[in-house]
Protein backbone atom coordinates (compact mmCIF):
# COMPACT_ATOMS: atom_id res chain seq x y z
CA MET A 1 26.34 -19.14 25.15
CA LYS A 2 24.14 -21.54 27.08
CA LYS A 3 24.29 -25.22 26.30
CA SER A 4 20.67 -26.43 26.52
CA ARG A 5 18.18 -26.02 23.69
CA ILE A 6 15.96 -23.20 25.00
CA LEU A 7 17.44 -19.86 24.02
CA ASN A 8 14.55 -17.55 24.95
CA LYS A 9 15.54 -15.60 28.06
CA LYS A 10 12.01 -15.18 29.41
CA LEU A 11 11.22 -18.87 29.00
CA ASN A 12 14.44 -19.86 30.77
CA THR A 13 13.63 -17.42 33.58
CA ALA A 14 10.12 -18.82 33.92
CA ILE A 15 11.37 -22.40 34.23
CA ALA A 16 14.07 -21.42 36.73
CA ASP A 17 11.55 -19.42 38.77
CA MET A 18 9.13 -22.31 39.30
CA GLY A 19 8.77 -23.84 42.75
CA HIS A 20 6.98 -26.95 43.96
CA SER A 21 3.26 -26.80 43.05
CA ASP A 22 3.56 -23.63 40.92
CA MET A 23 1.53 -23.64 37.71
CA LEU A 24 2.90 -23.09 34.20
CA ILE A 25 0.48 -22.97 31.27
CA ILE A 26 1.59 -23.63 27.71
CA CYS A 27 -1.28 -22.24 25.68
CA ASP A 28 -2.47 -21.84 22.13
CA ALA A 29 -2.57 -18.50 20.35
CA GLY A 30 -6.15 -17.74 21.40
CA PHE A 31 -5.85 -18.26 25.16
CA PRO A 32 -7.05 -15.22 27.15
CA ILE A 33 -3.99 -14.15 29.15
CA PRO A 34 -4.78 -11.66 31.92
CA ASP A 35 -2.90 -8.36 31.73
CA GLU A 36 -1.38 -8.98 35.16
CA ALA A 37 -0.06 -12.44 34.25
CA GLN A 38 3.62 -13.16 33.70
CA ARG A 39 3.57 -13.87 29.97
CA VAL A 40 6.19 -15.48 27.80
CA ASP A 41 4.96 -14.79 24.28
CA LEU A 42 6.58 -17.05 21.70
CA ALA A 43 3.87 -16.74 19.03
CA ILE A 44 5.20 -15.73 15.61
CA GLU A 45 2.48 -16.87 13.22
CA LYS A 46 -0.10 -19.63 12.87
CA ASP A 47 1.42 -22.81 14.33
CA LEU A 48 4.84 -21.25 14.81
CA PRO A 49 5.77 -22.54 17.27
CA THR A 50 3.18 -25.20 18.02
CA VAL A 51 2.01 -26.18 21.48
CA GLU A 52 3.68 -29.55 21.02
CA GLN A 53 7.04 -28.02 20.03
CA VAL A 54 7.11 -25.76 23.07
CA LEU A 55 5.89 -28.50 25.40
CA ARG A 56 8.63 -30.83 24.17
CA LEU A 57 11.33 -28.22 24.82
CA VAL A 58 9.98 -27.19 28.22
CA LEU A 59 9.73 -30.79 29.41
CA GLU A 60 13.43 -31.31 28.67
CA ASP A 61 14.22 -28.76 31.39
CA PHE A 62 11.21 -28.85 33.75
CA ILE A 63 10.17 -31.19 36.54
CA TYR A 64 6.42 -31.60 36.80
CA GLU A 65 4.15 -33.74 38.93
CA LYS A 66 0.77 -33.06 37.38
CA VAL A 67 -0.53 -32.31 33.87
CA ILE A 68 -4.02 -31.02 33.12
CA VAL A 69 -5.80 -30.51 29.80
CA ALA A 70 -9.43 -29.92 28.86
CA ASN A 71 -11.84 -32.86 28.56
CA GLU A 72 -12.61 -31.39 25.17
CA GLN A 73 -9.01 -31.92 24.02
CA LYS A 74 -9.37 -35.64 24.69
CA LEU A 75 -12.79 -35.79 23.01
CA TYR A 76 -12.40 -33.43 20.05
CA ASN A 77 -8.65 -33.17 19.44
CA PRO A 78 -7.56 -36.74 20.24
CA LEU A 79 -4.34 -36.63 18.20
CA LEU A 80 -3.04 -33.70 20.25
CA PHE A 81 -4.18 -35.44 23.45
CA GLU A 82 -2.24 -38.57 22.47
CA ARG A 83 0.90 -36.53 21.77
CA VAL A 84 0.59 -34.66 25.10
CA CYS A 85 0.18 -37.98 26.93
CA ALA A 86 3.21 -39.44 25.15
CA LEU A 87 5.37 -36.45 26.07
CA CYS A 88 4.14 -36.23 29.67
CA ASP A 89 5.18 -39.69 30.78
CA ARG A 90 5.82 -38.93 34.48
CA CYS A 91 2.14 -39.06 35.34
CA GLU A 92 -1.27 -39.56 33.86
CA VAL A 93 -2.65 -36.52 32.05
CA GLU A 94 -5.74 -35.35 33.94
CA THR A 95 -8.73 -33.79 32.21
CA ILE A 96 -11.16 -31.17 33.49
CA PRO A 97 -13.83 -29.13 31.67
CA HIS A 98 -12.44 -26.47 29.33
CA GLU A 99 -14.66 -23.93 31.05
CA GLU A 100 -12.89 -24.63 34.35
CA ILE A 101 -9.46 -24.14 32.77
CA MET A 102 -10.56 -20.83 31.32
CA ALA A 103 -12.18 -19.62 34.55
CA LYS A 104 -9.59 -20.67 37.13
CA MET A 105 -6.20 -21.32 35.61
CA PRO A 106 -5.13 -18.01 34.00
CA GLY A 107 -5.24 -16.15 37.31
CA ALA A 108 -3.56 -18.98 39.22
CA ALA A 109 -0.63 -19.58 36.86
CA LYS A 110 2.80 -18.29 37.79
CA TYR A 111 3.65 -18.08 34.08
CA ILE A 112 1.71 -18.44 30.84
CA VAL A 113 3.66 -19.37 27.72
CA ARG A 114 1.80 -18.39 24.54
CA THR A 115 2.55 -20.35 21.41
CA GLY A 116 1.42 -19.78 17.84
CA GLY A 117 -0.63 -22.97 18.10
CA PHE A 118 -3.98 -23.07 16.33
CA ASP A 119 -5.05 -26.21 18.17
CA PRO A 120 -8.60 -26.50 19.46
CA TRP A 121 -8.33 -26.94 23.25
CA GLY A 122 -4.56 -26.78 22.85
CA ASN A 123 -3.71 -25.67 26.38
CA VAL A 124 -1.52 -27.71 28.72
CA VAL A 125 -1.31 -26.93 32.43
CA LEU A 126 1.85 -28.15 34.15
CA ILE A 127 2.13 -28.28 37.94
CA SER A 128 5.75 -28.01 39.03
CA GLY A 129 7.26 -30.81 41.05
CA VAL A 130 10.55 -31.51 42.74
CA ASP A 131 13.28 -33.86 41.65
CA ALA A 132 12.19 -36.41 44.25
CA HIS A 133 14.86 -38.86 43.12
CA ARG A 134 17.52 -36.40 44.27
CA TRP A 135 15.62 -35.03 47.29
CA PHE A 136 15.24 -38.46 48.87
CA ASP A 137 18.66 -39.78 47.87
CA LYS A 138 20.46 -38.84 51.09
CA PRO A 139 21.57 -41.35 53.71
CA GLY A 140 19.02 -41.69 56.50
CA VAL A 141 16.15 -40.07 54.59
CA ILE A 142 13.06 -42.25 54.28
CA THR A 143 10.90 -41.83 51.20
CA PRO A 144 7.21 -41.76 52.19
CA ASP A 145 4.90 -44.08 50.26
CA TYR A 146 3.16 -41.19 48.49
CA TYR A 147 6.54 -40.05 47.06
CA LYS A 148 7.93 -43.44 46.05
CA LYS A 149 6.62 -43.32 42.49
CA ARG A 150 7.92 -39.79 41.96
CA ALA A 151 11.26 -40.70 43.55
CA SER A 152 11.65 -43.54 41.05
CA TYR A 153 12.06 -41.07 38.17
CA ASP A 154 15.70 -40.34 37.57
CA LYS A 155 15.43 -38.14 34.52
């Protein structure tokens, strides 16, 4: 049996399948997932599991370089926004209009992970990164300035 916490086969496959700059969305129960999207459906019932629970687990096993949520999450669901920011400590959480997330992101995501979350504007877009600390840790390799911050993360 595998050692890490995530036991769901499809979720493990999704994480392992991500490449640099691929998009993974962890969404609430009401997010419109296109039929052609690669879906990992974890929803069982209202708030089981929550967006925060799934995000916490995914971040233990996923390298990201960008996080995006709706402006409306920051304005109208500030407690969730604070928890997302606390969990996503590699970079600042960016905000864009909810309408833009709904219009552009579902078709662009490599995977969409549906939770049972009943959180207004409870969608978190993760852009996959590389483990820059390990990529630039070879003798003779020079870390460019724009990668130095990312290369400083060793977890």
